[in-house]
Amino acid sequence: MEVSELVAALVDIERAAHEFIEMPDSAEADRRLLETLHRCNGRLNEPYGFDSDTDAVRSRVWKDCMTILSNLELAPQHAAGQNSELVRTQAQKLASLTQGLLDLVQRRTEKR
């Protein structure tokens, strides 16, 4: 898997997470976040040969994506656009971690 694919996935996840946070009770934002996480989570779970710190953050972002996916899929109220405070909090944390991972990956890419 190419690092550029990881970067694209992280950008998509961050965008969908921010939209989810900014549009509470939006079924469309819920759907987009769910679709984005389904589409992109596999790219996060690939070995990229990062240093251990970067890889630990990548692994954490992947785990958080899987947690949010589970919460969105298992709670029927989310399909109706009524995202819970818990999922919003998780999405905020995911957006922050995703931005941090993007920064780490971009710095690493620039050093090459």
Protein backbone atom coordinates (compact mmCIF):
# COMPACT_ATOMS: atom_id res chain seq x y z
CA MET A 1 0.00 0.00 0.00
CA GLU A 2 1.35 3.42 -0.93
CA VAL A 3 1.74 6.18 1.65
CA SER A 4 -0.18 8.50 -0.72
CA GLU A 5 -3.20 6.19 -0.35
CA LEU A 6 -2.92 6.44 3.43
CA VAL A 7 -2.74 10.23 3.23
CA ALA A 8 -5.83 10.33 0.98
CA ALA A 9 -7.70 8.06 3.41
CA LEU A 10 -6.72 10.22 6.39
CA VAL A 11 -7.88 13.38 4.63
CA ASP A 12 -11.22 11.74 3.80
CA ILE A 13 -11.68 10.48 7.36
CA GLU A 14 -10.83 13.84 8.87
CA ARG A 15 -13.26 15.63 6.55
CA ALA A 16 -16.09 13.16 7.29
CA ALA A 17 -15.44 13.33 11.04
CA HIS A 18 -15.56 17.14 11.04
CA GLU A 19 -18.77 17.11 9.01
CA PHE A 20 -20.28 14.62 11.45
CA ILE A 21 -19.32 16.85 14.40
CA GLU A 22 -20.52 20.07 12.79
CA MET A 23 -23.86 18.67 11.61
CA PRO A 24 -25.43 17.04 14.66
CA ASP A 25 -28.51 14.94 13.98
CA SER A 26 -27.79 14.82 10.25
CA ALA A 27 -28.53 11.45 8.70
CA GLU A 28 -26.42 12.47 5.69
CA ALA A 29 -23.37 13.23 7.85
CA ASP A 30 -23.87 9.91 9.66
CA ARG A 31 -24.06 8.07 6.35
CA ARG A 32 -20.97 9.78 4.93
CA LEU A 33 -18.92 9.05 8.04
CA LEU A 34 -20.01 5.42 8.00
CA GLU A 35 -19.23 5.05 4.28
CA THR A 36 -15.88 6.80 4.62
CA LEU A 37 -14.81 4.63 7.53
CA HIS A 38 -15.86 1.47 5.66
CA ARG A 39 -13.96 2.56 2.56
CA CYS A 40 -10.80 3.76 4.31
CA ASN A 41 -10.28 1.60 7.39
CA GLY A 42 -8.37 -1.09 5.50
CA ARG A 43 -5.75 1.43 4.42
CA LEU A 44 -5.09 2.24 8.06
CA ASN A 45 -4.46 -1.37 8.98
CA GLU A 46 -1.62 -1.89 6.48
CA PRO A 47 2.06 -2.00 7.41
CA TYR A 48 3.85 1.06 6.06
CA GLY A 49 7.26 0.60 7.68
CA PHE A 50 6.87 3.66 9.89
CA ASP A 51 8.85 4.22 13.05
CA SER A 52 7.22 2.78 16.16
CA ASP A 53 5.68 6.09 17.29
CA THR A 54 4.05 6.81 13.93
CA ASP A 55 2.89 3.23 13.65
CA ALA A 56 1.37 3.39 17.13
CA VAL A 57 -0.67 6.46 16.13
CA ARG A 58 -1.72 4.76 12.86
CA SER A 59 -2.87 1.72 14.84
CA ARG A 60 -4.77 3.94 17.29
CA VAL A 61 -6.56 5.77 14.46
CA TRP A 62 -7.55 2.42 12.95
CA LYS A 63 -8.90 1.17 16.29
CA ASP A 64 -10.87 4.38 16.80
CA CYS A 65 -12.32 4.05 13.28
CA MET A 66 -13.43 0.51 14.07
CA THR A 67 -15.01 1.62 17.36
CA ILE A 68 -16.98 4.39 15.65
CA LEU A 69 -18.02 2.02 12.86
CA SER A 70 -19.34 -0.43 15.43
CA ASN A 71 -21.19 2.28 17.33
CA LEU A 72 -22.79 3.69 14.20
CA GLU A 73 -23.80 0.29 12.88
CA LEU A 74 -25.12 -1.12 16.15
CA ALA A 75 -27.21 1.84 17.27
CA PRO A 76 -30.38 2.20 15.17
CA GLN A 77 -30.90 5.81 16.26
CA HIS A 78 -27.79 6.79 14.30
CA ALA A 79 -29.42 5.75 11.04
CA ALA A 80 -32.07 8.36 11.75
CA GLY A 81 -29.44 11.08 12.19
CA GLN A 82 -29.51 11.26 15.98
CA ASN A 83 -25.86 10.72 16.80
CA SER A 84 -25.13 10.34 20.46
CA GLU A 85 -22.79 12.49 22.46
CA LEU A 86 -20.49 9.48 22.82
CA VAL A 87 -20.07 9.05 19.07
CA ARG A 88 -19.58 12.80 18.61
CA THR A 89 -16.86 12.74 21.26
CA GLN A 90 -15.25 9.74 19.55
CA ALA A 91 -15.41 11.54 16.19
CA GLN A 92 -13.76 14.63 17.70
CA LYS A 93 -10.94 12.48 19.06
CA LEU A 94 -10.64 10.69 15.71
CA ALA A 95 -10.41 14.01 13.83
CA SER A 96 -7.64 15.16 16.17
CA LEU A 97 -5.70 11.88 15.96
CA THR A 98 -6.12 11.80 12.20
CA GLN A 99 -4.68 15.30 11.87
CA GLY A 100 -1.76 14.32 14.09
CA LEU A 101 -1.08 11.22 12.00
CA LEU A 102 -1.28 13.27 8.80
CA ASP A 103 1.33 15.66 10.20
CA LEU A 104 3.61 12.75 11.18
CA VAL A 105 3.28 11.04 7.79
CA GLN A 106 3.84 14.27 5.86
CA ARG A 107 6.97 15.11 7.88
CA ARG A 108 8.28 11.61 7.31
CA THR A 109 7.56 11.85 3.57
CA GLU A 110 9.33 15.21 3.33
CA LYS A 111 12.47 13.74 4.93
CA ARG A 112 12.77 11.13 2.17
